Amino acid sequence: MKRALIWLPLGLFGVFFAVVAAGLMRPADTTVRSTLVDKPLPVFKLEPMVPGKPGLASGDFKGGKPRLLNVFASWCIPCIAEAPQLMALKARGVPIDAIAIHDKGPAIAAFLRRNGDPYAAIGDDSRSRVQMALGSSGVPETFLIDGRGRIVRQYIGDIRADQVDQIVRDVAAAGAAAR
């Protein structure tokens, strides 16, 4: 019995070490998800970001058809990576609007010339107020909004080529559910 008690501290240390090592091997999910999914868009009205494109307001999303709302910036490298996928979505009939954060009109116009322009409207959110109200934690980030102005889904990070088909299906499903 006394011999077993001598080994008890070493055994407890071993258990403690195993628990800590397991926690380090499996890091926590640090993805910040919006709490507004399945809730209405926050009320906002943004001025146009570039000439020839309208600004954006929350009321624009209540027209009966689902659409994507992309949060992006001209200085964002992953935004450049997702540009071909957004163009593919546009080509497949998915309407896309955007909010440009911490940016200037000429920089956005140059970004669109270089990478393509999938957007029907681009709102200027230079202080990220709407981005924060949406619960968006970074760029790029895309929200699927149903035809009644409700956030249906959030796509965190850049949209990848293997996500395009699923997003098209998600938009179609959001349109069917809104009827």
C-alpha atoms as a PDB file:
ATOM      1  CA  MET A   1       0.000   0.000   0.000  1.00  0.00           C
ATOM      2  CA  LYS A   2       2.802   2.452   0.899  1.00  0.00           C
ATOM      3  CA  ARG A   3       4.596   1.606  -2.348  1.00  0.00           C
ATOM      4  CA  ALA A   4       1.453   2.475  -4.348  1.00  0.00           C
ATOM      5  CA  LEU A   5       1.193   5.843  -2.592  1.00  0.00           C
ATOM      6  CA  ILE A   6       4.758   6.660  -3.575  1.00  0.00           C
ATOM      7  CA  TRP A   7       3.843   6.281  -7.272  1.00  0.00           C
ATOM      8  CA  LEU A   8       0.554   8.220  -7.009  1.00  0.00           C
ATOM      9  CA  PRO A   9       2.059  11.705  -7.715  1.00  0.00           C
ATOM     10  CA  LEU A  10       3.820  10.370 -10.819  1.00  0.00           C
ATOM     11  CA  GLY A  11       0.591   8.752 -12.016  1.00  0.00           C
ATOM     12  CA  LEU A  12      -1.381  11.984 -11.477  1.00  0.00           C
ATOM     13  CA  PHE A  13       1.276  13.925 -13.365  1.00  0.00           C
ATOM     14  CA  GLY A  14       1.023  11.406 -16.222  1.00  0.00           C
ATOM     15  CA  VAL A  15      -2.766  11.865 -16.419  1.00  0.00           C
ATOM     16  CA  PHE A  16      -2.384  15.650 -16.323  1.00  0.00           C
ATOM     17  CA  PHE A  17       0.271  15.513 -19.056  1.00  0.00           C
ATOM     18  CA  ALA A  18      -1.964  13.312 -21.260  1.00  0.00           C
ATOM     19  CA  VAL A  19      -4.913  15.723 -20.918  1.00  0.00           C
ATOM     20  CA  VAL A  20      -2.757  18.754 -21.812  1.00  0.00           C
ATOM     21  CA  ALA A  21      -1.129  16.942 -24.755  1.00  0.00           C
ATOM     22  CA  ALA A  22      -4.534  15.900 -26.099  1.00  0.00           C
ATOM     23  CA  GLY A  23      -5.719  19.519 -25.953  1.00  0.00           C
ATOM     24  CA  LEU A  24      -2.652  20.701 -27.839  1.00  0.00           C
ATOM     25  CA  MET A  25      -3.066  18.048 -30.512  1.00  0.00           C
ATOM     26  CA  ARG A  26      -6.695  19.068 -31.141  1.00  0.00           C
ATOM     27  CA  PRO A  27      -6.833  22.874 -31.233  1.00  0.00           C
ATOM     28  CA  ALA A  28     -10.138  24.639 -30.710  1.00  0.00           C
ATOM     29  CA  ASP A  29     -12.165  25.863 -33.680  1.00  0.00           C
ATOM     30  CA  THR A  30     -11.440  29.593 -33.892  1.00  0.00           C
ATOM     31  CA  THR A  31     -13.954  30.306 -36.663  1.00  0.00           C
ATOM     32  CA  VAL A  32     -16.207  33.218 -35.785  1.00  0.00           C
ATOM     33  CA  ARG A  33     -19.720  32.502 -37.036  1.00  0.00           C
ATOM     34  CA  SER A  34     -22.414  35.124 -37.379  1.00  0.00           C
ATOM     35  CA  THR A  35     -25.253  34.941 -34.877  1.00  0.00           C
ATOM     36  CA  LEU A  36     -27.553  36.459 -37.513  1.00  0.00           C
ATOM     37  CA  VAL A  37     -27.941  33.285 -39.587  1.00  0.00           C
ATOM     38  CA  ASP A  38     -31.710  32.598 -39.773  1.00  0.00           C
ATOM     39  CA  LYS A  39     -32.389  36.221 -38.792  1.00  0.00           C
ATOM     40  CA  PRO A  40     -33.158  39.353 -40.827  1.00  0.00           C
ATOM     41  CA  LEU A  41     -30.361  41.461 -42.241  1.00  0.00           C
ATOM     42  CA  PRO A  42     -29.557  44.449 -40.041  1.00  0.00           C
ATOM     43  CA  VAL A  43     -30.931  47.714 -41.422  1.00  0.00           C
ATOM     44  CA  PHE A  44     -28.330  49.603 -43.438  1.00  0.00           C
ATOM     45  CA  LYS A  45     -27.882  51.944 -46.375  1.00  0.00           C
ATOM     46  CA  LEU A  46     -24.478  52.279 -48.038  1.00  0.00           C
ATOM     47  CA  GLU A  47     -23.381  54.806 -50.651  1.00  0.00           C
ATOM     48  CA  PRO A  48     -22.074  53.557 -54.012  1.00  0.00           C
ATOM     49  CA  MET A  49     -18.426  52.498 -53.986  1.00  0.00           C
ATOM     50  CA  VAL A  50     -17.647  52.950 -57.694  1.00  0.00           C
ATOM     51  CA  PRO A  51     -19.177  55.098 -60.437  1.00  0.00           C
ATOM     52  CA  GLY A  52     -21.793  53.314 -62.498  1.00  0.00           C
ATOM     53  CA  LYS A  53     -22.803  50.889 -59.739  1.00  0.00           C
ATOM     54  CA  PRO A  54     -25.530  51.554 -57.217  1.00  0.00           C
ATOM     55  CA  GLY A  55     -24.933  51.542 -53.481  1.00  0.00           C
ATOM     56  CA  LEU A  56     -26.588  48.960 -51.300  1.00  0.00           C
ATOM     57  CA  ALA A  57     -29.339  48.910 -48.684  1.00  0.00           C
ATOM     58  CA  SER A  58     -30.912  46.157 -46.622  1.00  0.00           C
ATOM     59  CA  GLY A  59     -34.239  46.814 -48.367  1.00  0.00           C
ATOM     60  CA  ASP A  60     -32.655  45.730 -51.678  1.00  0.00           C
ATOM     61  CA  PHE A  61     -32.733  42.134 -50.407  1.00  0.00           C
ATOM     62  CA  LYS A  62     -36.511  41.987 -49.991  1.00  0.00           C
ATOM     63  CA  GLY A  63     -37.334  41.707 -53.689  1.00  0.00           C
ATOM     64  CA  GLY A  64     -38.445  38.069 -53.560  1.00  0.00           C
ATOM     65  CA  LYS A  65     -35.301  36.481 -55.030  1.00  0.00           C
ATOM     66  CA  PRO A  66     -32.351  35.127 -53.056  1.00  0.00           C
ATOM     67  CA  ARG A  67     -28.930  36.649 -53.618  1.00  0.00           C
ATOM     68  CA  LEU A  68     -25.409  36.538 -52.282  1.00  0.00           C
ATOM     69  CA  LEU A  69     -23.879  39.355 -50.254  1.00  0.00           C
ATOM     70  CA  ASN A  70     -20.083  39.290 -50.524  1.00  0.00           C
ATOM     71  CA  VAL A  71     -17.907  41.218 -48.051  1.00  0.00           C
ATOM     72  CA  PHE A  72     -14.559  41.988 -49.710  1.00  0.00           C
ATOM     73  CA  ALA A  73     -11.695  44.468 -50.150  1.00  0.00           C
ATOM     74  CA  SER A  74      -9.283  45.307 -52.948  1.00  0.00           C
ATOM     75  CA  TRP A  75      -6.273  44.658 -50.693  1.00  0.00           C
ATOM     76  CA  CYS A  76      -7.507  41.184 -49.701  1.00  0.00           C
ATOM     77  CA  ILE A  77      -5.452  38.354 -51.259  1.00  0.00           C
ATOM     78  CA  PRO A  78      -8.109  35.636 -50.663  1.00  0.00           C
ATOM     79  CA  CYS A  79     -10.639  37.961 -52.356  1.00  0.00           C
ATOM     80  CA  ILE A  80      -8.518  37.737 -55.508  1.00  0.00           C
ATOM     81  CA  ALA A  81      -8.469  33.931 -55.168  1.00  0.00           C
ATOM     82  CA  GLU A  82     -12.267  33.743 -54.951  1.00  0.00           C
ATOM     83  CA  ALA A  83     -12.936  36.115 -57.884  1.00  0.00           C
ATOM     84  CA  PRO A  84     -13.122  33.334 -60.536  1.00  0.00           C
ATOM     85  CA  GLN A  85     -15.672  31.451 -58.417  1.00  0.00           C
ATOM     86  CA  LEU A  86     -17.822  34.568 -58.040  1.00  0.00           C
ATOM     87  CA  MET A  87     -17.665  35.059 -61.811  1.00  0.00           C
ATOM     88  CA  ALA A  88     -18.724  31.408 -62.275  1.00  0.00           C
ATOM     89  CA  LEU A  89     -21.656  31.930 -59.894  1.00  0.00           C
ATOM     90  CA  LYS A  90     -22.704  35.052 -61.820  1.00  0.00           C
ATOM     91  CA  ALA A  91     -22.475  33.112 -65.101  1.00  0.00           C
ATOM     92  CA  ARG A  92     -24.824  30.519 -63.616  1.00  0.00           C
ATOM     93  CA  GLY A  93     -27.395  33.183 -62.810  1.00  0.00           C
ATOM     94  CA  VAL A  94     -26.659  33.789 -59.123  1.00  0.00           C
ATOM     95  CA  PRO A  95     -27.166  37.482 -58.278  1.00  0.00           C
ATOM     96  CA  ILE A  96     -24.334  38.898 -56.162  1.00  0.00           C
ATOM     97  CA  ASP A  97     -24.059  42.213 -54.325  1.00  0.00           C
ATOM     98  CA  ALA A  98     -21.074  43.371 -52.312  1.00  0.00           C
ATOM     99  CA  ILE A  99     -19.908  45.420 -49.395  1.00  0.00           C
ATOM    100  CA  ALA A 100     -16.405  46.846 -49.781  1.00  0.00           C
ATOM    101  CA  ILE A 101     -14.677  47.462 -46.461  1.00  0.00           C
ATOM    102  CA  HIS A 102     -11.799  49.801 -45.559  1.00  0.00           C
ATOM    103  CA  ASP A 103     -11.291  50.752 -49.190  1.00  0.00           C
ATOM    104  CA  LYS A 104     -11.406  53.539 -51.778  1.00  0.00           C
ATOM    105  CA  GLY A 105     -13.377  53.716 -55.022  1.00  0.00           C
ATOM    106  CA  PRO A 106     -10.356  53.811 -57.389  1.00  0.00           C
ATOM    107  CA  ALA A 107      -8.800  50.756 -55.696  1.00  0.00           C
ATOM    108  CA  ILE A 108     -12.086  48.818 -55.989  1.00  0.00           C
ATOM    109  CA  ALA A 109     -12.461  49.849 -59.654  1.00  0.00           C
ATOM    110  CA  ALA A 110      -8.925  48.597 -60.381  1.00  0.00           C
ATOM    111  CA  PHE A 111      -9.659  45.342 -58.505  1.00  0.00           C
ATOM    112  CA  LEU A 112     -12.778  44.790 -60.637  1.00  0.00           C
ATOM    113  CA  ARG A 113     -10.886  45.512 -63.887  1.00  0.00           C
ATOM    114  CA  ARG A 114      -8.179  42.976 -62.959  1.00  0.00           C
ATOM    115  CA  ASN A 115     -10.347  40.227 -61.485  1.00  0.00           C
ATOM    116  CA  GLY A 116     -13.778  40.600 -63.078  1.00  0.00           C
ATOM    117  CA  ASP A 117     -16.958  42.194 -61.800  1.00  0.00           C
ATOM    118  CA  PRO A 118     -19.658  39.799 -60.604  1.00  0.00           C
ATOM    119  CA  TYR A 119     -21.518  42.463 -58.573  1.00  0.00           C
ATOM    120  CA  ALA A 120     -24.842  44.143 -59.328  1.00  0.00           C
ATOM    121  CA  ALA A 121     -24.251  46.702 -56.542  1.00  0.00           C
ATOM    122  CA  ILE A 122     -21.348  47.608 -54.254  1.00  0.00           C
ATOM    123  CA  GLY A 123     -21.818  49.504 -51.013  1.00  0.00           C
ATOM    124  CA  ASP A 124     -19.066  51.545 -49.349  1.00  0.00           C
ATOM    125  CA  ASP A 125     -18.518  50.354 -45.755  1.00  0.00           C
ATOM    126  CA  SER A 126     -15.276  52.210 -45.114  1.00  0.00           C
ATOM    127  CA  ARG A 127     -15.616  51.891 -41.343  1.00  0.00           C
ATOM    128  CA  SER A 128     -16.841  48.256 -41.345  1.00  0.00           C
ATOM    129  CA  ARG A 129     -20.011  49.163 -39.458  1.00  0.00           C
ATOM    130  CA  VAL A 130     -22.266  46.977 -41.610  1.00  0.00           C
ATOM    131  CA  GLN A 131     -19.651  44.224 -41.695  1.00  0.00           C
ATOM    132  CA  MET A 132     -19.611  44.137 -37.892  1.00  0.00           C
ATOM    133  CA  ALA A 133     -23.427  44.327 -37.712  1.00  0.00           C
ATOM    134  CA  LEU A 134     -23.557  41.242 -39.946  1.00  0.00           C
ATOM    135  CA  GLY A 135     -21.261  39.372 -37.576  1.00  0.00           C
ATOM    136  CA  SER A 136     -18.592  39.084 -40.244  1.00  0.00           C
ATOM    137  CA  SER A 137     -15.135  38.580 -38.826  1.00  0.00           C
ATOM    138  CA  GLY A 138     -13.035  39.165 -41.919  1.00  0.00           C
ATOM    139  CA  VAL A 139     -12.763  39.190 -45.677  1.00  0.00           C
ATOM    140  CA  PRO A 140     -13.801  37.566 -47.804  1.00  0.00           C
ATOM    141  CA  GLU A 141     -17.065  36.386 -46.377  1.00  0.00           C
ATOM    142  CA  THR A 142     -20.313  35.710 -48.196  1.00  0.00           C
ATOM    143  CA  PHE A 143     -23.897  35.528 -46.966  1.00  0.00           C
ATOM    144  CA  LEU A 144     -26.860  33.941 -48.724  1.00  0.00           C
ATOM    145  CA  ILE A 145     -29.898  36.178 -48.258  1.00  0.00           C
ATOM    146  CA  ASP A 146     -33.363  34.856 -49.088  1.00  0.00           C
ATOM    147  CA  GLY A 147     -35.927  36.960 -50.963  1.00  0.00           C
ATOM    148  CA  ARG A 148     -37.352  38.334 -47.714  1.00  0.00           C
ATOM    149  CA  GLY A 149     -34.086  39.772 -46.412  1.00  0.00           C
ATOM    150  CA  ARG A 150     -33.237  36.923 -44.045  1.00  0.00           C
ATOM    151  CA  ILE A 151     -29.695  35.524 -43.775  1.00  0.00           C
ATOM    152  CA  VAL A 152     -29.904  31.853 -44.737  1.00  0.00           C
ATOM    153  CA  ARG A 153     -26.246  30.819 -44.755  1.00  0.00           C
ATOM    154  CA  GLN A 154     -22.761  32.161 -44.179  1.00  0.00           C
ATOM    155  CA  TYR A 155     -19.713  31.111 -46.205  1.00  0.00           C
ATOM    156  CA  ILE A 156     -16.574  31.978 -44.261  1.00  0.00           C
ATOM    157  CA  GLY A 157     -13.383  32.620 -46.194  1.00  0.00           C
ATOM    158  CA  ASP A 158     -12.857  32.553 -49.918  1.00  0.00           C
ATOM    159  CA  ILE A 159     -15.290  30.551 -52.012  1.00  0.00           C
ATOM    160  CA  ARG A 160     -13.504  27.595 -53.601  1.00  0.00           C
ATOM    161  CA  ALA A 161     -14.192  26.011 -56.974  1.00  0.00           C
ATOM    162  CA  ASP A 162     -15.530  22.871 -55.295  1.00  0.00           C
ATOM    163  CA  GLN A 163     -18.178  24.975 -53.480  1.00  0.00           C
ATOM    164  CA  VAL A 164     -19.758  26.573 -56.558  1.00  0.00           C
ATOM    165  CA  ASP A 165     -22.229  23.754 -57.336  1.00  0.00           C
ATOM    166  CA  GLN A 166     -23.373  23.605 -53.705  1.00  0.00           C
ATOM    167  CA  ILE A 167     -23.849  27.366 -53.528  1.00  0.00           C
ATOM    168  CA  VAL A 168     -25.976  27.274 -56.697  1.00  0.00           C
ATOM    169  CA  ARG A 169     -28.111  24.562 -55.044  1.00  0.00           C
ATOM    170  CA  ASP A 170     -28.300  26.605 -51.813  1.00  0.00           C
ATOM    171  CA  VAL A 171     -29.520  29.659 -53.730  1.00  0.00           C
ATOM    172  CA  ALA A 172     -32.133  27.575 -55.562  1.00  0.00           C
ATOM    173  CA  ALA A 173     -33.313  26.067 -52.266  1.00  0.00           C
ATOM    174  CA  ALA A 174     -33.530  29.522 -50.661  1.00  0.00           C
ATOM    175  CA  GLY A 175     -35.646  30.665 -53.619  1.00  0.00           C
ATOM    176  CA  ALA A 176     -37.977  27.680 -53.293  1.00  0.00           C
ATOM    177  CA  ALA A 177     -38.325  28.203 -49.535  1.00  0.00           C
ATOM    178  CA  ALA A 178     -39.169  31.896 -49.999  1.00  0.00           C
ATOM    179  CA  ARG A 179     -42.188  31.074 -52.183  1.00  0.00           C
END
